[in-house]
Protein backbone atom coordinates (compact mmCIF):
# COMPACT_ATOMS: atom_id res chain seq x y z
CA MET A 1 27.93 26.74 71.15
CA ALA A 2 29.99 25.73 68.13
CA VAL A 3 26.94 24.10 66.54
CA TYR A 4 24.89 27.20 67.21
CA LEU A 5 27.50 29.47 65.63
CA SER A 6 27.78 27.17 62.68
CA PHE A 7 24.04 27.33 62.20
CA LEU A 8 24.09 31.13 62.32
CA LEU A 9 26.81 31.21 59.68
CA ILE A 10 24.69 29.03 57.42
CA LEU A 11 21.69 31.32 57.86
CA THR A 12 23.88 34.35 57.17
CA GLY A 13 24.95 32.78 53.90
CA LEU A 14 21.31 32.17 52.99
CA THR A 15 20.17 35.75 53.52
CA GLY A 16 22.02 37.30 50.64
CA ILE A 17 25.12 39.04 52.01
CA HIS A 18 27.27 37.70 49.16
CA SER A 19 27.03 38.68 45.47
CA ILE A 20 25.52 35.23 44.77
CA THR A 21 23.38 33.35 47.28
CA THR A 22 22.46 29.69 46.96
CA VAL A 23 22.26 26.48 49.02
CA SER A 24 25.40 25.13 50.64
CA LYS A 25 24.65 21.40 50.87
CA MET A 26 21.86 19.13 49.66
CA SER A 27 21.07 15.44 50.12
CA VAL A 28 19.70 13.85 46.94
CA LYS A 29 18.78 10.43 45.54
CA ALA A 30 20.73 8.84 42.68
CA GLY A 31 18.74 8.85 39.45
CA ASP A 32 16.55 11.79 40.51
CA SER A 33 16.59 15.40 39.33
CA VAL A 34 17.12 18.51 41.42
CA THR A 35 16.73 22.26 40.83
CA ILE A 36 18.93 24.84 42.59
CA PRO A 37 18.16 28.60 42.66
CA CYS A 38 20.98 31.13 42.60
CA LEU A 39 20.19 34.71 43.66
CA TYR A 40 22.45 37.42 42.24
CA ASP A 41 22.96 41.15 42.71
CA SER A 42 21.01 43.55 40.48
CA LYS A 43 24.21 44.83 38.84
CA TYR A 44 24.63 41.39 37.20
CA THR A 45 21.20 41.36 35.55
CA ASN A 46 22.51 41.43 31.98
CA HIS A 47 25.55 39.22 32.56
CA VAL A 48 25.93 35.63 31.43
CA LYS A 49 25.22 33.08 34.17
CA TYR A 50 26.48 29.54 34.22
CA LEU A 51 26.91 26.34 36.23
CA CYS A 52 30.43 25.02 36.68
CA LYS A 53 31.25 21.46 37.75
CA GLY A 54 34.25 20.66 39.95
CA TYR A 55 35.61 21.06 43.47
CA ARG A 56 38.02 23.88 42.58
CA PHE A 57 36.64 26.85 40.69
CA ASP A 58 39.87 27.51 38.80
CA SER A 59 39.71 24.01 37.31
CA CYS A 60 35.93 23.41 37.02
CA SER A 61 34.26 22.80 33.66
CA TYR A 62 31.23 24.54 32.19
CA ALA A 63 28.08 22.44 32.60
CA VAL A 64 25.57 24.89 31.11
CA LYS A 65 25.40 28.64 30.31
CA THR A 66 22.52 31.06 29.70
CA ASN A 67 23.92 32.03 26.29
CA GLN A 68 24.14 28.40 25.16
CA GLN A 69 21.64 25.66 24.49
CA ASN A 70 20.62 23.33 27.32
CA SER A 71 21.72 19.69 27.29
CA GLU A 72 19.90 16.53 28.27
CA LYS A 73 21.50 16.51 31.73
CA PHE A 74 21.80 20.23 32.52
CA SER A 75 19.43 23.15 31.97
CA ILE A 76 19.48 26.79 33.09
CA SER A 77 17.00 29.69 33.08
CA ASP A 78 17.32 33.32 34.19
CA ASP A 79 14.51 35.34 35.80
CA LYS A 80 15.86 38.88 35.52
CA GLU A 81 12.93 40.44 37.37
CA GLN A 82 13.48 38.28 40.44
CA ARG A 83 17.27 38.26 39.86
CA ILE A 84 17.39 34.50 40.22
CA PHE A 85 18.81 31.99 37.77
CA THR A 86 17.99 28.31 38.33
CA VAL A 87 19.93 25.25 37.27
CA THR A 88 18.51 21.74 36.95
CA ILE A 89 20.63 18.60 37.12
CA LYS A 90 18.99 15.40 35.88
CA ASP A 91 19.80 11.73 36.41
CA LEU A 92 22.04 12.33 39.40
CA LYS A 93 25.10 10.12 39.77
CA ASP A 94 27.89 9.61 42.30
CA GLU A 95 30.17 12.07 40.55
CA ASP A 96 27.55 14.86 40.71
CA THR A 97 28.89 16.33 43.94
CA ASP A 98 30.67 19.70 43.51
CA TYR A 99 29.21 22.64 41.60
CA TRP A 100 29.44 26.42 41.37
CA CYS A 101 26.75 29.02 40.57
CA ALA A 102 28.65 31.74 38.71
CA VAL A 103 28.24 35.06 36.90
CA GLU A 104 30.59 35.93 34.05
CA ILE A 105 32.51 39.17 34.50
CA LYS A 106 34.27 40.50 31.42
CA GLY A 107 37.73 41.83 32.24
CA GLY A 108 37.63 40.53 35.80
CA SER A 109 37.16 37.51 38.03
CA ASP A 110 33.80 35.77 37.75
CA VAL A 111 31.48 35.94 40.74
CA ARG A 112 30.63 32.47 42.09
CA GLU A 113 29.19 30.48 44.98
CA TYR A 114 29.90 26.84 45.78
CA PHE A 115 27.35 24.14 46.70
CA GLN A 116 27.66 20.42 47.34
CA LEU A 117 25.37 17.50 46.54
CA LEU A 118 25.37 14.36 48.69
CA VAL A 119 24.18 11.59 46.36
CA THR A 120 22.82 8.48 48.06
CA LYS A 121 21.97 5.24 46.25
CA ARG A 122 20.16 3.01 48.75
CA ASP A 123 19.13 5.18 51.69
CA THR A 124 16.61 7.97 51.52
CA PRO A 125 18.08 11.48 51.45
CA ARG A 126 18.75 13.06 54.83
CA LEU A 127 16.46 15.99 53.99
CA TYR A 128 13.96 16.06 51.12
CA VAL A 129 10.47 17.11 50.01
CA ASP A 130 8.00 15.32 47.75
CA HIS A 131 7.80 18.20 45.27
CA GLN A 132 9.99 21.22 44.69
CA GLU A 133 7.12 23.12 43.04
CA ILE A 134 4.11 24.18 45.18
CA THR A 135 1.11 26.28 44.05
CA GLY A 136 -1.15 28.27 46.37
CA PHE A 137 -3.96 30.82 46.04
CA ASN A 138 -4.32 34.34 47.35
CA GLY A 139 -5.70 34.45 50.87
CA GLU A 140 -5.27 30.73 51.38
CA GLU A 141 -2.46 28.53 52.67
CA VAL A 142 0.07 25.93 51.53
CA THR A 143 1.71 23.12 53.48
CA ILE A 144 5.19 21.71 52.88
CA ASN A 145 6.42 18.53 54.53
CA CYS A 146 10.18 18.59 55.08
CA GLN A 147 11.24 15.00 55.72
CA HIS A 148 14.54 14.34 57.50
CA ARG A 149 16.68 11.70 59.24
CA ASN A 150 18.56 13.71 61.88
CA ARG A 151 17.71 15.61 65.05
CA ARG A 152 19.47 18.89 64.39
CA GLU A 153 18.11 22.43 64.26
CA ILE A 154 15.29 23.23 61.81
CA ALA A 155 14.26 26.40 59.99
CA TRP A 156 12.17 27.66 57.08
CA CYS A 157 13.89 30.40 55.06
CA ARG A 158 13.22 32.52 52.04
CA LEU A 159 16.01 33.00 49.54
CA GLY A 160 17.50 36.44 50.12
CA SER A 161 15.18 37.18 53.06
CA SER A 162 14.61 36.02 56.65
CA CYS A 163 14.05 32.65 58.38
CA VAL A 164 11.61 31.23 60.92
CA MET A 165 13.31 28.90 63.43
CA THR A 166 10.54 28.63 66.03
CA SER A 167 7.03 27.19 65.96
CA SER A 168 5.58 30.35 64.43
CA GLY A 169 6.64 33.60 62.81
CA SER A 170 6.34 35.54 59.57
CA ILE A 171 8.33 36.12 56.40
CA ASP A 172 7.60 39.25 54.36
CA GLY A 173 4.07 39.51 55.78
CA THR A 174 3.20 35.83 55.32
CA ARG A 175 2.45 33.88 58.48
CA VAL A 176 4.58 30.73 58.98
CA THR A 177 3.79 27.86 61.37
CA ILE A 178 6.14 24.93 61.96
CA SER A 179 4.84 21.67 63.45
CA MET A 180 6.83 18.57 64.44
CA SER A 181 3.91 16.34 65.44
CA VAL A 182 4.89 13.66 62.92
CA PRO A 183 8.17 11.79 63.54
CA ASN A 184 11.00 12.64 61.10
CA VAL A 185 8.86 15.35 59.47
CA PHE A 186 8.53 19.02 60.23
CA THR A 187 5.52 20.58 58.55
CA VAL A 188 5.62 24.19 57.38
CA THR A 189 2.31 26.00 56.84
CA MET A 190 2.26 29.36 55.06
CA SER A 191 -1.09 31.12 55.54
CA GLY A 192 -2.51 34.42 54.32
CA LEU A 193 -0.74 34.05 51.00
CA ARG A 194 -0.30 37.02 48.71
CA THR A 195 1.10 37.37 45.21
CA GLU A 196 4.25 38.78 46.79
CA SER A 197 4.66 35.50 48.67
CA SER A 198 5.75 33.78 45.45
CA GLY A 199 9.41 32.83 45.36
CA TRP A 200 12.09 30.36 46.42
CA TYR A 201 12.13 29.00 49.96
CA TRP A 202 13.94 26.09 51.58
CA CYS A 203 13.78 23.67 54.43
CA VAL A 204 16.84 23.80 56.71
CA LYS A 205 17.91 20.90 58.91
CA GLY A 206 21.37 21.33 60.44
CA ASP A 207 23.77 22.02 57.56
CA LEU A 208 21.38 20.72 54.85
CA GLN A 209 18.91 22.67 52.73
CA MET A 210 16.17 21.65 50.28
CA PRO A 211 14.80 24.37 47.94
CA VAL A 212 11.04 24.70 47.32
CA HIS A 213 9.43 27.16 44.89
CA VAL A 214 6.04 28.59 45.93
CA THR A 215 3.76 30.15 43.29
CA VAL A 216 0.76 32.20 44.48
CA THR A 217 -2.08 32.98 42.03
CA GLU A 218 -5.78 33.83 42.05
CA ARG A 219 -8.07 30.84 42.46
CA PRO A 220 -9.87 30.20 39.15
CA THR A 221 -13.69 30.36 39.25
CA THR A 222 -15.50 27.34 37.84
CA LEU A 223 -18.97 28.99 37.63
CA ALA A 224 -19.93 32.57 36.85
CA THR A 225 -22.31 32.68 39.84
CA THR A 226 -20.04 30.88 42.32
CA ARG A 227 -16.91 32.18 43.94
CA GLN A 228 -14.84 29.86 46.06
CA LEU A 229 -13.52 31.26 49.32
CA THR A 230 -11.60 29.34 51.94
CA THR A 231 -11.65 29.40 55.71
CA VAL A 232 -8.99 27.54 57.64
CA SER A 233 -9.71 25.74 60.91
CA PRO A 234 -6.98 25.01 63.51
CA THR A 235 -6.65 21.53 62.00
CA SER A 236 -6.11 23.02 58.53
CA THR A 237 -9.48 21.70 57.25
CA ARG A 238 -10.68 23.84 54.37
CA ILE A 239 -14.38 24.72 54.16
CA PRO A 240 -15.40 26.17 50.77
CA ILE A 241 -18.05 28.90 50.92
CA THR A 242 -20.22 29.94 47.99
CA GLY A 243 -20.77 33.53 46.90
CA ASP A 244 -24.06 33.82 48.79
CA GLY A 245 -22.40 32.88 52.08
CA THR A 246 -23.75 29.33 52.41
CA THR A 247 -21.30 26.66 53.45
CA VAL A 248 -20.74 23.66 51.19
CA LYS A 249 -21.04 20.63 53.45
CA ASN A 250 -18.49 17.84 53.71
CA GLY A 251 -15.79 20.04 52.21
CA GLN A 252 -17.21 19.86 48.72
CA GLY A 253 -15.67 22.39 46.38
CA SER A 254 -15.92 23.34 42.78
CA ALA A 255 -15.09 19.79 41.70
CA SER A 256 -18.31 18.47 43.29
CA ILE A 257 -20.38 21.19 41.63
CA MET A 258 -18.90 20.45 38.22
CA GLN A 259 -19.48 16.73 38.77
CA MET A 260 -23.15 17.37 39.56
CA ILE A 261 -23.59 19.52 36.45
CA LEU A 262 -21.93 16.84 34.34
CA ILE A 263 -24.23 14.12 35.69
CA ILE A 264 -27.37 16.22 35.04
CA SER A 265 -26.22 17.04 31.49
CA LEU A 266 -25.53 13.40 30.70
CA SER A 267 -28.94 12.36 32.07
CA LEU A 268 -30.70 14.90 29.84
CA LEU A 269 -28.78 13.77 26.76
CA ILE A 270 -29.61 10.12 27.45
CA SER A 271 -33.33 10.93 27.90
CA ILE A 272 -33.43 12.89 24.64
CA ALA A 273 -31.70 10.04 22.81
CA ILE A 274 -34.21 7.48 24.14
CA VAL A 275 -37.21 9.61 23.07
CA ALA A 276 -35.71 10.16 19.61
CA VAL A 277 -35.15 6.43 19.09
CA PHE A 278 -38.72 5.65 20.21
CA VAL A 279 -40.25 8.21 17.83
CA TRP A 280 -38.12 6.94 14.96
CA PHE A 281 -39.21 3.35 15.66
CA MET A 282 -42.92 4.27 15.72
CA LEU A 283 -42.68 6.23 12.46
CA LYS A 284 -40.87 3.36 10.77
CA ARG A 285 -43.44 0.87 12.00
CA HIS A 286 -46.35 3.04 10.81
CA LYS A 287 -44.79 3.43 7.37
CA ARG A 288 -44.18 -0.30 7.03
CA THR A 289 -47.79 -1.10 8.04
CA LYS A 290 -49.13 1.38 5.49
CA VAL A 291 -47.07 -0.16 2.66
CA GLU A 292 -48.12 -3.70 3.56
CA SER A 293 -51.81 -2.76 3.70
CA SER A 294 -51.64 -1.06 0.29
CA ALA A 295 -49.73 -3.95 -1.30
CA THR A 296 -52.04 -6.69 -0.02
CA THR A 297 -55.42 -6.94 -1.72
CA THR A 298 -58.33 -9.18 -1.08
CA ALA A 299 -60.41 -8.00 -3.99
CA GLN A 300 -63.14 -10.03 -5.45
CA GLU A 301 -63.63 -10.12 -9.21
CA GLU A 302 -66.83 -9.22 -11.00
CA VAL A 303 -68.26 -12.46 -12.30
CA THR A 304 -71.22 -12.81 -14.63
CA TYR A 305 -72.97 -16.22 -14.75
CA SER A 306 -75.18 -17.02 -17.69
CA ALA A 307 -77.32 -20.09 -18.10
CA VAL A 308 -78.71 -20.56 -21.61
CA LYS A 309 -81.39 -23.15 -22.55
CA LYS A 310 -82.85 -23.79 -26.04
CA LYS A 311 -86.53 -24.75 -26.57
CA ARG A 312 -88.43 -25.35 -29.78
CA ARG A 313 -91.81 -24.10 -30.89
CA THR A 314 -94.75 -26.37 -31.48
CA SER A 315 -95.21 -25.26 -35.08
CA GLY A 316 -94.15 -27.47 -37.93
CA ARG A 317 -91.86 -24.97 -39.42
CA ALA A 318 -88.25 -24.79 -38.87
CA GLU A 319 -87.29 -24.50 -35.27
CA GLU A 320 -86.35 -21.11 -34.05
CA GLU A 321 -83.80 -20.97 -31.38
CA VAL A 322 -84.98 -19.07 -28.37
CA THR A 323 -82.46 -18.24 -25.72
CA TYR A 324 -83.27 -17.57 -22.10
CA SER A 325 -80.63 -16.15 -19.94
CA ASN A 326 -80.27 -15.87 -16.20
CA VAL A 327 -77.55 -13.49 -15.21
CA THR A 328 -76.12 -13.05 -11.77
CA HIS A 329 -73.84 -10.13 -11.30
CA MET A 330 -71.49 -9.83 -8.36
CA ARG A 331 -69.94 -6.47 -7.70
CA LYS A 332 -66.18 -6.43 -7.32
CA THR A 333 -64.63 -4.79 -4.32
CA SER A 334 -62.67 -1.78 -5.41
CA VAL A 335 -58.94 -2.38 -5.19
CA LYS A 336 -56.43 0.45 -5.12
CA ARG A 337 -52.80 -0.14 -5.62
CA SER A 338 -50.09 2.44 -5.42
CA GLU A 339 -48.52 1.26 -8.61
CA ALA A 340 -51.72 0.96 -10.70
CA LYS A 341 -52.88 3.86 -12.84
CA SER A 342 -56.39 2.62 -13.89
CA ASP A 343 -58.67 -0.40 -13.76
CA VAL A 344 -59.93 -2.03 -16.96
CA ASP A 345 -62.67 -4.66 -17.02
CA VAL A 346 -61.99 -7.53 -19.43
CA MET A 347 -64.69 -10.03 -20.42
CA TYR A 348 -63.77 -13.65 -21.21
CA SER A 349 -66.33 -15.91 -22.90
CA SER A 350 -66.36 -19.62 -23.51
CA VAL A 351 -69.18 -20.98 -25.74
CA VAL A 352 -69.91 -24.56 -26.73
CA THR A 353 -72.52 -25.16 -29.51
CA VAL A 354 -74.15 -28.43 -30.39
CA LYS A 355 -75.46 -28.46 -33.96
CA GLN A 356 -78.94 -29.74 -34.75
CA GLN A 357 -79.21 -32.76 -37.09
CA SER A 358 -82.52 -31.82 -38.67
CA VAL A 359 -84.16 -28.57 -39.55
CA GLN A 360 -87.64 -29.97 -38.98
CA ARG A 361 -88.43 -32.09 -36.02
CA VAL A 362 -91.59 -33.08 -34.50
CA GLU A 363 -90.19 -32.81 -31.06
CA ALA A 364 -87.28 -30.88 -29.86
CA LYS A 365 -84.61 -32.67 -27.95
CA ASP A 366 -83.29 -31.43 -24.74
CA GLU A 367 -79.77 -32.11 -25.74
CA ASP A 368 -79.75 -29.19 -28.18
CA VAL A 369 -78.65 -26.67 -25.57
CA THR A 370 -75.89 -24.13 -25.69
CA TYR A 371 -74.14 -23.21 -22.44
CA SER A 372 -72.10 -20.14 -22.02
CA ARG A 373 -69.78 -19.13 -19.15
CA LEU A 374 -68.62 -15.63 -18.86
CA ALA A 375 -65.94 -14.52 -16.48
CA GLN A 376 -64.86 -10.95 -16.07
CA HIS A 377 -61.35 -10.23 -14.78
CA GLN A 378 -59.56 -7.05 -14.00
CA GLN A 379 -56.39 -6.21 -15.82
CA ASN A 380 -53.87 -4.09 -14.07
CA LEU A 381 -52.03 -1.64 -16.24
């Protein structure tokens, strides 16, 4: 009965009867950080809030204040709409045990509420969660695993509101289910989330609490034509459904759709790159072949061959030189070069003459012959 009454007193302190409501005792790990919410009355909205360190309030020292700059170890923020100021203590040490959430009252005694931290070095904390910040989406659910090391009473409470101490219940219209199927863990599932479900909650195990902040927002849409809805089975398996009502198999959500789109886009880009490289290679090869064919010539020159033979007449007078010529003309293949402007035919001639010894001869000698070789070349200008 004494334990039961004690538990009720703790819950009464958590539901906001006092001017300031906060946790009473927390188990934390040395070196970690922890955030503590402090709910205050609406009449203190514009007052200065602060965290005071020490077992006795009349001798405690300021750790951080809302009208002063935060330090490396302590920070504070004030949400005036929710009427909650939060304090964060970093790098927890053995001496971080006794603190006060307080509101400054000018001309009177400050309003305050005490809480205690149990700092452990080697062992795991007696009650803790993996993350103090949880995000959920409207109409869906969130799950919080409250891990513990004792067998005392459990509960899931909202700061300044009610608690659920049984396997199921509701808090401010949000359904709450508590499961203890896993040893040393009680799992809290909040389903049918609404924007109003956002706020500070905490796990309760005996005289210990661990705060958890739940933020509820609209699920972002990844595609203009697809809207992700969620249905929850008894085993908390989520089955995304597209906007046309078809079920996405194997629990694939927007991440799978985006992955598919990314793969298709990359495949198209790679295909386009391959085609572009191939076209560029063929154009380069064609251009190189054209240049080589225009630079390489196999032209033949026009050559004129002339055979000249001298014969004498039978008359007794001076010999007259008669020249007979056989000419063979070979046509030159036309050659075009990109760098040439015009073709000019040039004639080269080489003549050798043997002089006669006598003007009058009875018989002409065959040796008196003149040969001529003509060669025609092309000059490139």
